[in-house]
Amino acid sequence: MSSNISLQKICEECAQPFIAKTLVTRFCSHLCNRRHNKKKATNQRLAISIAQEINISSPAETMKGIGNDYLKLPEAAAIMRVSRRTLFRLISEKKLKSKKVLGRTIILKEDIRAFFQIQ
C-alpha cells in the first residue's frame, strides 16, 4: 500500500526540515531516531535512580541490620564496597580472616569490624 503523501516536517531530534512520506513520521533519519531513543532510555534510568534515592551509609551501619554473625562472600563484598576478587586478595594476604564451612567461605562480622579498625 503506497502513498502519494509528502509533508514538510521538522525533525524532533535535530530540528532540521525534511519531507515525510507518512503522517506519523517524527524523525528525518534512522540516526536521529536512534539518538532520540538513547536519550529517552538514559532519562528513564536517571529517573529510576533518583526515585530509589540511593542511601549511602558506612559499612558499620550496614552490618547492624544483618541478623547472622557471619556473612557470605558476596554479602561481605557488598558491605565493604569492594569486589569479590579484592575480598579474595585480602584473605590470601592474611589481612582479613575467613572460615571454611562445608566448602563455603564465610567471614565473621567481628573480623570485618577488626579489619576496619586496623585500616
PDB file of N, CA and C in Angstrom:
ATOM      1  N   MET A   1       0.843  -1.156   0.000  1.00  0.00           N
ATOM      2  CA  MET A   1       0.000   0.000   0.000  1.00  0.00           C
ATOM      3  C   MET A   1       0.895   1.227   0.000  1.00  0.00           C
ATOM      4  N   SER A   2       0.948   1.913  -1.042  1.00  0.00           N
ATOM      5  CA  SER A   2       1.799   3.090  -1.151  1.00  0.00           C
ATOM      6  C   SER A   2       0.964   4.349  -1.012  1.00  0.00           C
ATOM      7  N   SER A   3       1.668   5.417  -0.748  1.00  0.00           N
ATOM      8  CA  SER A   3       1.000   6.685  -0.523  1.00  0.00           C
ATOM      9  C   SER A   3       1.686   7.765  -1.346  1.00  0.00           C
ATOM     10  N   ASN A   4       0.928   8.723  -1.763  1.00  0.00           N
ATOM     11  CA  ASN A   4       1.489   9.851  -2.501  1.00  0.00           C
ATOM     12  C   ASN A   4       1.638  11.083  -1.606  1.00  0.00           C
ATOM     13  N   ILE A   5       1.552  10.856  -0.293  1.00  0.00           N
ATOM     14  CA  ILE A   5       1.646  11.964   0.652  1.00  0.00           C
ATOM     15  C   ILE A   5       3.107  12.386   0.787  1.00  0.00           C
ATOM     16  N   SER A   6       3.321  13.660   0.814  1.00  0.00           N
ATOM     17  CA  SER A   6       4.642  14.193   1.153  1.00  0.00           C
ATOM     18  C   SER A   6       4.421  15.482   1.930  1.00  0.00           C
ATOM     19  N   LEU A   7       4.813  15.457   3.188  1.00  0.00           N
ATOM     20  CA  LEU A   7       4.603  16.580   4.088  1.00  0.00           C
ATOM     21  C   LEU A   7       5.938  17.185   4.496  1.00  0.00           C
ATOM     22  N   GLN A   8       5.962  18.454   4.628  1.00  0.00           N
ATOM     23  CA  GLN A   8       7.147  19.133   5.142  1.00  0.00           C
ATOM     24  C   GLN A   8       7.040  19.112   6.666  1.00  0.00           C
ATOM     25  N   LYS A   9       8.024  18.474   7.356  1.00  0.00           N
ATOM     26  CA  LYS A   9       8.017  18.383   8.821  1.00  0.00           C
ATOM     27  C   LYS A   9       9.373  18.809   9.359  1.00  0.00           C
ATOM     28  N   ILE A  10       9.417  18.988  10.676  1.00  0.00           N
ATOM     29  CA  ILE A  10      10.650  19.325  11.379  1.00  0.00           C
ATOM     30  C   ILE A  10      11.015  18.113  12.242  1.00  0.00           C
ATOM     31  N   CYS A  11      12.256  17.678  12.121  1.00  0.00           N
ATOM     32  CA  CYS A  11      12.741  16.542  12.903  1.00  0.00           C
ATOM     33  C   CYS A  11      12.736  16.901  14.392  1.00  0.00           C
ATOM     34  N   GLU A  12      12.228  16.000  15.227  1.00  0.00           N
ATOM     35  CA  GLU A  12      12.159  16.256  16.665  1.00  0.00           C
ATOM     36  C   GLU A  12      13.531  16.208  17.324  1.00  0.00           C
ATOM     37  N   GLU A  13      14.485  15.549  16.703  1.00  0.00           N
ATOM     38  CA  GLU A  13      15.823  15.414  17.287  1.00  0.00           C
ATOM     39  C   GLU A  13      16.765  16.533  16.857  1.00  0.00           C
ATOM     40  N   CYS A  14      16.918  16.724  15.564  1.00  0.00           N
ATOM     41  CA  CYS A  14      17.913  17.691  15.071  1.00  0.00           C
ATOM     42  C   CYS A  14      17.294  19.018  14.625  1.00  0.00           C
ATOM     43  N   ALA A  15      15.978  19.112  14.621  1.00  0.00           N
ATOM     44  CA  ALA A  15      15.246  20.338  14.269  1.00  0.00           C
ATOM     45  C   ALA A  15      15.494  20.791  12.831  1.00  0.00           C
ATOM     46  N   GLN A  16      15.832  19.877  11.946  1.00  0.00           N
ATOM     47  CA  GLN A  16      16.029  20.185  10.527  1.00  0.00           C
ATOM     48  C   GLN A  16      14.744  19.845   9.760  1.00  0.00           C
ATOM     49  N   PRO A  17      14.375  20.624   8.754  1.00  0.00           N
ATOM     50  CA  PRO A  17      13.196  20.286   7.951  1.00  0.00           C
ATOM     51  C   PRO A  17      13.481  19.074   7.055  1.00  0.00           C
ATOM     52  N   PHE A  18      12.439  18.262   6.838  1.00  0.00           N
ATOM     53  CA  PHE A  18      12.559  17.098   5.959  1.00  0.00           C
ATOM     54  C   PHE A  18      11.199  16.793   5.353  1.00  0.00           C
ATOM     55  N   ILE A  19      11.188  15.981   4.310  1.00  0.00           N
ATOM     56  CA  ILE A  19       9.943  15.573   3.661  1.00  0.00           C
ATOM     57  C   ILE A  19       9.522  14.227   4.244  1.00  0.00           C
ATOM     58  N   ALA A  20       8.341  14.207   4.881  1.00  0.00           N
ATOM     59  CA  ALA A  20       7.819  12.980   5.468  1.00  0.00           C
ATOM     60  C   ALA A  20       6.875  12.312   4.475  1.00  0.00           C
ATOM     61  N   LYS A  21       6.941  10.988   4.399  1.00  0.00           N
ATOM     62  CA  LYS A  21       6.086  10.245   3.477  1.00  0.00           C
ATOM     63  C   LYS A  21       4.876   9.639   4.164  1.00  0.00           C
ATOM     64  N   THR A  22       4.834   9.750   5.500  1.00  0.00           N
ATOM     65  CA  THR A  22       3.656   9.299   6.243  1.00  0.00           C
ATOM     66  C   THR A  22       3.260  10.405   7.224  1.00  0.00           C
ATOM     67  N   LEU A  23       2.094  10.260   7.810  1.00  0.00           N
ATOM     68  CA  LEU A  23       1.599  11.262   8.738  1.00  0.00           C
ATOM     69  C   LEU A  23       2.240  11.141  10.117  1.00  0.00           C
ATOM     70  N   VAL A  24       2.784   9.978  10.446  1.00  0.00           N
ATOM     71  CA  VAL A  24       3.305   9.746  11.785  1.00  0.00           C
ATOM     72  C   VAL A  24       4.826   9.836  11.888  1.00  0.00           C
ATOM     73  N   THR A  25       5.515  10.132  10.804  1.00  0.00           N
ATOM     74  CA  THR A  25       6.968  10.231  10.823  1.00  0.00           C
ATOM     75  C   THR A  25       7.400  11.395  11.710  1.00  0.00           C
ATOM     76  N   ARG A  26       8.357  11.135  12.626  1.00  0.00           N
ATOM     77  CA  ARG A  26       8.800  12.149  13.574  1.00  0.00           C
ATOM     78  C   ARG A  26      10.251  12.571  13.371  1.00  0.00           C
ATOM     79  N   PHE A  27      11.046  11.714  12.733  1.00  0.00           N
ATOM     80  CA  PHE A  27      12.478  11.968  12.613  1.00  0.00           C
ATOM     81  C   PHE A  27      12.902  11.939  11.152  1.00  0.00           C
ATOM     82  N   CYS A  28      13.952  12.688  10.845  1.00  0.00           N
ATOM     83  CA  CYS A  28      14.400  12.790   9.459  1.00  0.00           C
ATOM     84  C   CYS A  28      15.198  11.569   9.013  1.00  0.00           C
ATOM     85  N   SER A  29      15.780  10.837   9.960  1.00  0.00           N
ATOM     86  CA  SER A  29      16.600   9.689   9.576  1.00  0.00           C
ATOM     87  C   SER A  29      16.609   8.655  10.700  1.00  0.00           C
ATOM     88  N   HIS A  30      17.154   7.507  10.377  1.00  0.00           N
ATOM     89  CA  HIS A  30      17.290   6.437  11.358  1.00  0.00           C
ATOM     90  C   HIS A  30      18.250   6.868  12.477  1.00  0.00           C
ATOM     91  N   LEU A  31      19.273   7.608  12.125  1.00  0.00           N
ATOM     92  CA  LEU A  31      20.247   8.090  13.108  1.00  0.00           C
ATOM     93  C   LEU A  31      19.577   8.987  14.155  1.00  0.00           C
ATOM     94  N   CYS A  32      18.739   9.898  13.708  1.00  0.00           N
ATOM     95  CA  CYS A  32      18.023  10.770  14.647  1.00  0.00           C
ATOM     96  C   CYS A  32      17.079   9.961  15.535  1.00  0.00           C
ATOM     97  N   ASN A  33      16.441   8.953  14.970  1.00  0.00           N
ATOM     98  CA  ASN A  33      15.558   8.086  15.740  1.00  0.00           C
ATOM     99  C   ASN A  33      16.340   7.369  16.833  1.00  0.00           C
ATOM    100  N   ARG A  34      17.521   6.824  16.501  1.00  0.00           N
ATOM    101  CA  ARG A  34      18.349   6.121  17.489  1.00  0.00           C
ATOM    102  C   ARG A  34      18.834   7.074  18.575  1.00  0.00           C
ATOM    103  N   ARG A  35      19.239   8.261  18.199  1.00  0.00           N
ATOM    104  CA  ARG A  35      19.686   9.241  19.188  1.00  0.00           C
ATOM    105  C   ARG A  35      18.577   9.585  20.168  1.00  0.00           C
ATOM    106  N   HIS A  36      17.366   9.766  19.630  1.00  0.00           N
ATOM    107  CA  HIS A  36      16.216  10.074  20.482  1.00  0.00           C
ATOM    108  C   HIS A  36      15.940   8.923  21.456  1.00  0.00           C
ATOM    109  N   ASN A  37      15.962   7.684  20.956  1.00  0.00           N
ATOM    110  CA  ASN A  37      15.693   6.524  21.813  1.00  0.00           C
ATOM    111  C   ASN A  37      16.768   6.370  22.883  1.00  0.00           C
ATOM    112  N   LYS A  38      18.018   6.652  22.558  1.00  0.00           N
ATOM    113  CA  LYS A  38      19.096   6.553  23.531  1.00  0.00           C
ATOM    114  C   LYS A  38      18.929   7.603  24.630  1.00  0.00           C
ATOM    115  N   LYS A  39      18.568   8.819  24.254  1.00  0.00           N
ATOM    116  CA  LYS A  39      18.330   9.868  25.251  1.00  0.00           C
ATOM    117  C   LYS A  39      17.158   9.498  26.154  1.00  0.00           C
ATOM    118  N   LYS A  40      16.107   8.933  25.538  1.00  0.00           N
ATOM    119  CA  LYS A  40      14.930   8.536  26.305  1.00  0.00           C
ATOM    120  C   LYS A  40      15.281   7.449  27.326  1.00  0.00           C
ATOM    121  N   ALA A  41      16.080   6.460  26.923  1.00  0.00           N
ATOM    122  CA  ALA A  41      16.490   5.378  27.827  1.00  0.00           C
ATOM    123  C   ALA A  41      17.361   5.919  28.961  1.00  0.00           C
ATOM    124  N   THR A  42      18.246   6.836  28.654  1.00  0.00           N
ATOM    125  CA  THR A  42      19.111   7.441  29.673  1.00  0.00           C
ATOM    126  C   THR A  42      18.276   8.211  30.686  1.00  0.00           C
ATOM    127  N   ASN A  43      17.313   8.955  30.210  1.00  0.00           N
ATOM    128  CA  ASN A  43      16.442   9.716  31.114  1.00  0.00           C
ATOM    129  C   ASN A  43      15.616   8.789  31.995  1.00  0.00           C
ATOM    130  N   GLN A  44      15.165   7.665  31.461  1.00  0.00           N
ATOM    131  CA  GLN A  44      14.403   6.711  32.260  1.00  0.00           C
ATOM    132  C   GLN A  44      15.273   6.116  33.360  1.00  0.00           C
ATOM    133  N   ARG A  45      16.531   5.732  33.035  1.00  0.00           N
ATOM    134  CA  ARG A  45      17.432   5.178  34.045  1.00  0.00           C
ATOM    135  C   ARG A  45      17.725   6.214  35.120  1.00  0.00           C
ATOM    136  N   LEU A  46      17.902   7.458  34.717  1.00  0.00           N
ATOM    137  CA  LEU A  46      18.155   8.529  35.670  1.00  0.00           C
ATOM    138  C   LEU A  46      16.954   8.725  36.590  1.00  0.00           C
ATOM    139  N   ALA A  47      15.766   8.694  36.034  1.00  0.00           N
ATOM    140  CA  ALA A  47      14.550   8.854  36.841  1.00  0.00           C
ATOM    141  C   ALA A  47      14.407   7.717  37.844  1.00  0.00           C
ATOM    142  N   ILE A  48      14.757   6.500  37.442  1.00  0.00           N
ATOM    143  CA  ILE A  48      14.673   5.352  38.348  1.00  0.00           C
ATOM    144  C   ILE A  48      15.662   5.508  39.492  1.00  0.00           C
ATOM    145  N   SER A  49      16.890   5.921  39.178  1.00  0.00           N
ATOM    146  CA  SER A  49      17.893   6.072  40.245  1.00  0.00           C
ATOM    147  C   SER A  49      17.523   7.198  41.199  1.00  0.00           C
ATOM    148  N   ILE A  50      16.941   8.256  40.692  1.00  0.00           N
ATOM    149  CA  ILE A  50      16.501   9.342  41.567  1.00  0.00           C
ATOM    150  C   ILE A  50      15.347   8.881  42.440  1.00  0.00           C
ATOM    151  N   ALA A  51      14.449   8.097  41.871  1.00  0.00           N
ATOM    152  CA  ALA A  51      13.300   7.616  42.632  1.00  0.00           C
ATOM    153  C   ALA A  51      13.718   6.676  43.753  1.00  0.00           C
ATOM    154  N   GLN A  52      14.759   5.896  43.524  1.00  0.00           N
ATOM    155  CA  GLN A  52      15.205   4.954  44.549  1.00  0.00           C
ATOM    156  C   GLN A  52      15.980   5.642  45.659  1.00  0.00           C
ATOM    157  N   GLU A  53      16.513   6.828  45.383  1.00  0.00           N
ATOM    158  CA  GLU A  53      17.286   7.593  46.347  1.00  0.00           C
ATOM    159  C   GLU A  53      18.287   6.701  47.066  1.00  0.00           C
ATOM    160  N   ILE A  54      19.356   6.408  46.354  1.00  0.00           N
ATOM    161  CA  ILE A  54      20.376   5.513  46.874  1.00  0.00           C
ATOM    162  C   ILE A  54      20.903   6.064  48.191  1.00  0.00           C
ATOM    163  N   ASN A  55      20.771   5.252  49.233  1.00  0.00           N
ATOM    164  CA  ASN A  55      21.176   5.648  50.568  1.00  0.00           C
ATOM    165  C   ASN A  55      22.576   5.107  50.837  1.00  0.00           C
ATOM    166  N   ILE A  56      23.544   6.004  50.975  1.00  0.00           N
ATOM    167  CA  ILE A  56      24.923   5.601  51.233  1.00  0.00           C
ATOM    168  C   ILE A  56      25.171   5.687  52.727  1.00  0.00           C
ATOM    169  N   SER A  57      25.592   4.554  53.302  1.00  0.00           N
ATOM    170  CA  SER A  57      25.904   4.518  54.724  1.00  0.00           C
ATOM    171  C   SER A  57      27.252   3.842  54.911  1.00  0.00           C
ATOM    172  N   SER A  58      27.769   3.931  56.110  1.00  0.00           N
ATOM    173  CA  SER A  58      29.072   3.327  56.384  1.00  0.00           C
ATOM    174  C   SER A  58      28.911   1.810  56.493  1.00  0.00           C
ATOM    175  N   PRO A  59      29.986   1.051  56.296  1.00  0.00           N
ATOM    176  CA  PRO A  59      29.906  -0.408  56.435  1.00  0.00           C
ATOM    177  C   PRO A  59      29.445  -0.841  57.815  1.00  0.00           C
ATOM    178  N   ALA A  60      29.831  -0.120  58.861  1.00  0.00           N
ATOM    179  CA  ALA A  60      29.412  -0.489  60.212  1.00  0.00           C
ATOM    180  C   ALA A  60      27.896  -0.344  60.376  1.00  0.00           C
ATOM    181  N   GLU A  61      27.319   0.712  59.818  1.00  0.00           N
ATOM    182  CA  GLU A  61      25.864   0.904  59.893  1.00  0.00           C
ATOM    183  C   GLU A  61      25.135  -0.154  59.085  1.00  0.00           C
ATOM    184  N   THR A  62      25.708  -0.575  57.970  1.00  0.00           N
ATOM    185  CA  THR A  62      25.087  -1.590  57.141  1.00  0.00           C
ATOM    186  C   THR A  62      25.041  -2.936  57.861  1.00  0.00           C
ATOM    187  N   MET A  63      26.067  -3.232  58.636  1.00  0.00           N
ATOM    188  CA  MET A  63      26.142  -4.523  59.317  1.00  0.00           C
ATOM    189  C   MET A  63      25.158  -4.625  60.468  1.00  0.00           C
ATOM    190  N   LYS A  64      24.679  -3.505  61.006  1.00  0.00           N
ATOM    191  CA  LYS A  64      23.759  -3.541  62.147  1.00  0.00           C
ATOM    192  C   LYS A  64      22.456  -4.257  61.811  1.00  0.00           C
ATOM    193  N   GLY A  65      21.980  -4.127  60.587  1.00  0.00           N
ATOM    194  CA  GLY A  65      20.702  -4.705  60.213  1.00  0.00           C
ATOM    195  C   GLY A  65      20.751  -6.185  59.851  1.00  0.00           C
ATOM    196  N   ILE A  66      21.929  -6.775  59.832  1.00  0.00           N
ATOM    197  CA  ILE A  66      22.061  -8.169  59.430  1.00  0.00           C
ATOM    198  C   ILE A  66      21.996  -9.045  60.668  1.00  0.00           C
ATOM    199  N   GLY A  67      21.168 -10.109  60.617  1.00  0.00           N
ATOM    200  CA  GLY A  67      20.929 -10.944  61.780  1.00  0.00           C
ATOM    201  C   GLY A  67      22.015 -11.964  62.078  1.00  0.00           C
ATOM    202  N   ASN A  68      22.664 -12.530  61.079  1.00  0.00           N
ATOM    203  CA  ASN A  68      23.656 -13.582  61.308  1.00  0.00           C
ATOM    204  C   ASN A  68      24.961 -12.998  61.834  1.00  0.00           C
ATOM    205  N   ASP A  69      25.766 -13.883  62.472  1.00  0.00           N
ATOM    206  CA  ASP A  69      27.089 -13.483  62.929  1.00  0.00           C
ATOM    207  C   ASP A  69      28.127 -13.642  61.837  1.00  0.00           C
ATOM    208  N   TYR A  70      27.742 -14.209  60.713  1.00  0.00           N
ATOM    209  CA  TYR A  70      28.670 -14.437  59.612  1.00  0.00           C
ATOM    210  C   TYR A  70      28.058 -13.923  58.313  1.00  0.00           C
ATOM    211  N   LEU A  71      28.926 -13.731  57.314  1.00  0.00           N
ATOM    212  CA  LEU A  71      28.479 -13.242  56.016  1.00  0.00           C
ATOM    213  C   LEU A  71      29.073 -14.108  54.922  1.00  0.00           C
ATOM    214  N   LYS A  72      28.310 -14.341  53.874  1.00  0.00           N
ATOM    215  CA  LYS A  72      28.848 -14.992  52.686  1.00  0.00           C
ATOM    216  C   LYS A  72      29.700 -13.963  51.947  1.00  0.00           C
ATOM    217  N   LEU A  73      30.546 -14.434  51.045  1.00  0.00           N
ATOM    218  CA  LEU A  73      31.453 -13.529  50.347  1.00  0.00           C
ATOM    219  C   LEU A  73      30.752 -12.413  49.576  1.00  0.00           C
ATOM    220  N   PRO A  74      29.682 -12.692  48.797  1.00  0.00           N
ATOM    221  CA  PRO A  74      29.025 -11.581  48.099  1.00  0.00           C
ATOM    222  C   PRO A  74      28.442 -10.534  49.054  1.00  0.00           C
ATOM    223  N   GLU A  75      27.902 -10.997  50.193  1.00  0.00           N
ATOM    224  CA  GLU A  75      27.357 -10.064  51.176  1.00  0.00           C
ATOM    225  C   GLU A  75      28.468  -9.213  51.785  1.00  0.00           C
ATOM    226  N   ALA A  76      29.582  -9.859  52.138  1.00  0.00           N
ATOM    227  CA  ALA A  76      30.708  -9.135  52.724  1.00  0.00           C
ATOM    228  C   ALA A  76      31.285  -8.137  51.726  1.00  0.00           C
ATOM    229  N   ALA A  77      31.376  -8.538  50.473  1.00  0.00           N
ATOM    230  CA  ALA A  77      31.897  -7.633  49.442  1.00  0.00           C
ATOM    231  C   ALA A  77      30.985  -6.417  49.288  1.00  0.00           C
ATOM    232  N   ALA A  78      29.677  -6.632  49.332  1.00  0.00           N
ATOM    233  CA  ALA A  78      28.732  -5.518  49.200  1.00  0.00           C
ATOM    234  C   ALA A  78      28.836  -4.573  50.389  1.00  0.00           C
ATOM    235  N   ILE A  79      28.974  -5.119  51.584  1.00  0.00           N
ATOM    236  CA  ILE A  79      29.068  -4.287  52.781  1.00  0.00           C
ATOM    237  C   ILE A  79      30.367  -3.480  52.780  1.00  0.00           C
ATOM    238  N   MET A  80      31.457  -4.134  52.380  1.00  0.00           N
ATOM    239  CA  MET A  80      32.760  -3.468  52.378  1.00  0.00           C
ATOM    240  C   MET A  80      32.954  -2.589  51.150  1.00  0.00           C
ATOM    241  N   ARG A  81      32.047  -2.691  50.201  1.00  0.00           N
ATOM    242  CA  ARG A  81      32.094  -1.948  48.939  1.00  0.00           C
ATOM    243  C   ARG A  81      33.375  -2.240  48.154  1.00  0.00           C
ATOM    244  N   VAL A  82      33.688  -3.534  48.060  1.00  0.00           N
ATOM    245  CA  VAL A  82      34.812  -3.999  47.249  1.00  0.00           C
ATOM    246  C   VAL A  82      34.318  -5.158  46.391  1.00  0.00           C
ATOM    247  N   SER A  83      35.104  -5.531  45.402  1.00  0.00           N
ATOM    248  CA  SER A  83      34.725  -6.663  44.558  1.00  0.00           C
ATOM    249  C   SER A  83      35.060  -7.972  45.274  1.00  0.00           C
ATOM    250  N   ARG A  84      34.508  -9.066  44.788  1.00  0.00           N
ATOM    251  CA  ARG A  84      34.818 -10.379  45.362  1.00  0.00           C
ATOM    252  C   ARG A  84      36.290 -10.688  45.190  1.00  0.00           C
ATOM    253  N   ARG A  85      36.850 -10.278  44.059  1.00  0.00           N
ATOM    254  CA  ARG A  85      38.267 -10.527  43.804  1.00  0.00           C
ATOM    255  C   ARG A  85      39.141  -9.821  44.835  1.00  0.00           C
ATOM    256  N   THR A  86      38.795  -8.586  45.202  1.00  0.00           N
ATOM    257  CA  THR A  86      39.539  -7.858  46.218  1.00  0.00           C
ATOM    258  C   THR A  86      39.411  -8.548  47.567  1.00  0.00           C
ATOM    259  N   LEU A  87      38.223  -9.071  47.845  1.00  0.00           N
ATOM    260  CA  LEU A  87      37.995  -9.805  49.086  1.00  0.00           C
ATOM    261  C   LEU A  87      38.888 -11.040  49.147  1.00  0.00           C
ATOM    262  N   PHE A  88      38.966 -11.794  48.049  1.00  0.00           N
ATOM    263  CA  PHE A  88      39.841 -12.964  47.994  1.00  0.00           C
ATOM    264  C   PHE A  88      41.301 -12.552  48.175  1.00  0.00           C
ATOM    265  N   ARG A  89      41.675 -11.421  47.601  1.00  0.00           N
ATOM    266  CA  ARG A  89      43.061 -10.955  47.730  1.00  0.00           C
ATOM    267  C   ARG A  89      43.371 -10.603  49.180  1.00  0.00           C
ATOM    268  N   LEU A  90      42.437  -9.942  49.866  1.00  0.00           N
ATOM    269  CA  LEU A  90      42.636  -9.605  51.273  1.00  0.00           C
ATOM    270  C   LEU A  90      42.758 -10.864  52.128  1.00  0.00           C
ATOM    271  N   ILE A  91      41.983 -11.882  51.798  1.00  0.00           N
ATOM    272  CA  ILE A  91      42.037 -13.144  52.538  1.00  0.00           C
ATOM    273  C   ILE A  91      43.372 -13.838  52.293  1.00  0.00           C
ATOM    274  N   SER A  92      43.821 -13.876  51.037  1.00  0.00           N
ATOM    275  CA  SER A  92      45.072 -14.562  50.726  1.00  0.00           C
ATOM    276  C   SER A  92      46.282 -13.830  51.309  1.00  0.00           C
ATOM    277  N   GLU A  93      46.209 -12.505  51.467  1.00  0.00           N
ATOM    278  CA  GLU A  93      47.288 -11.726  52.084  1.00  0.00           C
ATOM    279  C   GLU A  93      47.198 -11.736  53.603  1.00  0.00           C
ATOM    280  N   LYS A  94      46.234 -12.473  54.150  1.00  0.00           N
ATOM    281  CA  LYS A  94      46.028 -12.610  55.596  1.00  0.00           C
ATOM    282  C   LYS A  94      45.680 -11.276  56.272  1.00  0.00           C
ATOM    283  N   LYS A  95      45.092 -10.358  55.525  1.00  0.00           N
ATOM    284  CA  LYS A  95      44.637  -9.094  56.096  1.00  0.00           C
ATOM    285  C   LYS A  95      43.216  -9.224  56.635  1.00  0.00           C
ATOM    286  N   LEU A  96      42.507 -10.236  56.160  1.00  0.00           N
ATOM    287  CA  LEU A  96      41.134 -10.471  56.572  1.00  0.00           C
ATOM    288  C   LEU A  96      40.976 -11.951  56.852  1.00  0.00           C
ATOM    289  N   LYS A  97      40.400 -12.275  58.012  1.00  0.00           N
ATOM    290  CA  LYS A  97      40.226 -13.680  58.383  1.00  0.00           C
ATOM    291  C   LYS A  97      38.959 -14.229  57.740  1.00  0.00           C
ATOM    292  N   SER A  98      39.001 -15.517  57.406  1.00  0.00           N
ATOM    293  CA  SER A  98      37.824 -16.187  56.859  1.00  0.00           C
ATOM    294  C   SER A  98      37.782 -17.612  57.385  1.00  0.00           C
ATOM    295  N   LYS A  99      36.641 -18.243  57.253  1.00  0.00           N
ATOM    296  CA  LYS A  99      36.446 -19.624  57.688  1.00  0.00           C
ATOM    297  C   LYS A  99      35.866 -20.406  56.523  1.00  0.00           C
ATOM    298  N   LYS A 100      36.156 -21.704  56.515  1.00  0.00           N
ATOM    299  CA  LYS A 100      35.573 -22.611  55.527  1.00  0.00           C
ATOM    300  C   LYS A 100      34.542 -23.479  56.239  1.00  0.00           C
ATOM    301  N   VAL A 101      33.322 -23.493  55.723  1.00  0.00           N
ATOM    302  CA  VAL A 101      32.255 -24.317  56.275  1.00  0.00           C
ATOM    303  C   VAL A 101      31.630 -25.091  55.132  1.00  0.00           C
ATOM    304  N   LEU A 102      31.839 -26.392  55.119  1.00  0.00           N
ATOM    305  CA  LEU A 102      31.294 -27.276  54.082  1.00  0.00           C
ATOM    306  C   LEU A 102      31.632 -26.770  52.677  1.00  0.00           C
ATOM    307  N   GLY A 103      32.860 -26.341  52.497  1.00  0.00           N
ATOM    308  CA  GLY A 103      33.304 -25.895  51.183  1.00  0.00           C
ATOM    309  C   GLY A 103      32.962 -24.457  50.849  1.00  0.00           C
ATOM    310  N   ARG A 104      32.257 -23.783  51.738  1.00  0.00           N
ATOM    311  CA  ARG A 104      31.924 -22.382  51.507  1.00  0.00           C
ATOM    312  C   ARG A 104      32.783 -21.494  52.386  1.00  0.00           C
ATOM    313  N   THR A 105      33.169 -20.368  51.856  1.00  0.00           N
ATOM    314  CA  THR A 105      33.963 -19.411  52.613  1.00  0.00           C
ATOM    315  C   THR A 105      33.024 -18.382  53.221  1.00  0.00           C
ATOM    316  N   ILE A 106      33.166 -18.205  54.540  1.00  0.00           N
ATOM    317  CA  ILE A 106      32.364 -17.200  55.235  1.00  0.00           C
ATOM    318  C   ILE A 106      33.306 -16.274  55.996  1.00  0.00           C
ATOM    319  N   ILE A 107      32.798 -15.109  56.320  1.00  0.00           N
ATOM    320  CA  ILE A 107      33.569 -14.125  57.068  1.00  0.00           C
ATOM    321  C   ILE A 107      32.721 -13.682  58.249  1.00  0.00           C
ATOM    322  N   LEU A 108      33.305 -13.690  59.423  1.00  0.00           N
ATOM    323  CA  LEU A 108      32.593 -13.257  60.616  1.00  0.00           C
ATOM    324  C   LEU A 108      32.506 -11.733  60.650  1.00  0.00           C
ATOM    325  N   LYS A 109      31.407 -11.229  61.217  1.00  0.00           N
ATOM    326  CA  LYS A 109      31.221  -9.781  61.313  1.00  0.00           C
ATOM    327  C   LYS A 109      32.340  -9.134  62.129  1.00  0.00           C
ATOM    328  N   GLU A 110      32.743  -9.826  63.197  1.00  0.00           N
ATOM    329  CA  GLU A 110      33.797  -9.286  64.054  1.00  0.00           C
ATOM    330  C   GLU A 110      35.106  -9.121  63.283  1.00  0.00           C
ATOM    331  N   ASP A 111      35.371 -10.057  62.355  1.00  0.00           N
ATOM    332  CA  ASP A 111      36.592  -9.958  61.548  1.00  0.00           C
ATOM    333  C   ASP A 111      36.550  -8.739  60.627  1.00  0.00           C
ATOM    334  N   ILE A 112      35.375  -8.423  60.096  1.00  0.00           N
ATOM    335  CA  ILE A 112      35.241  -7.234  59.248  1.00  0.00           C
ATOM    336  C   ILE A 112      35.427  -5.972  60.087  1.00  0.00           C
ATOM    337  N   ARG A 113      34.822  -5.962  61.286  1.00  0.00           N
ATOM    338  CA  ARG A 113      34.995  -4.800  62.170  1.00  0.00           C
ATOM    339  C   ARG A 113      36.473  -4.619  62.534  1.00  0.00           C
ATOM    340  N   ALA A 114      37.143  -5.728  62.855  1.00  0.00           N
ATOM    341  CA  ALA A 114      38.566  -5.660  63.193  1.00  0.00           C
ATOM    342  C   ALA A 114      39.391  -5.157  62.019  1.00  0.00           C
ATOM    343  N   PHE A 115      39.028  -5.581  60.812  1.00  0.00           N
ATOM    344  CA  PHE A 115      39.749  -5.134  59.623  1.00  0.00           C
ATOM    345  C   PHE A 115      39.628  -3.621  59.458  1.00  0.00           C
ATOM    346  N   PHE A 116      38.445  -3.085  59.662  1.00  0.00           N
ATOM    347  CA  PHE A 116      38.244  -1.642  59.508  1.00  0.00           C
ATOM    348  C   PHE A 116      38.898  -0.845  60.644  1.00  0.00           C
ATOM    349  N   GLN A 117      39.004  -1.432  61.831  1.00  0.00           N
ATOM    350  CA  GLN A 117      39.681  -0.732  62.925  1.00  0.00           C
ATOM    351  C   GLN A 117      41.175  -0.649  62.675  1.00  0.00           C
ATOM    352  N   ILE A 118      41.747  -1.690  62.072  1.00  0.00           N
ATOM    353  CA  ILE A 118      43.177  -1.688  61.759  1.00  0.00           C
ATOM    354  C   ILE A 118      43.455  -0.685  60.644  1.00  0.00           C
ATOM    355  N   GLN A 119      42.591  -0.633  59.638  1.00  0.00           N
ATOM    356  CA  GLN A 119      42.798   0.256  58.494  1.00  0.00           C
ATOM    357  C   GLN A 119      42.504   1.634  58.932  1.00  0.00           C
TER     358      GLN A 119
END
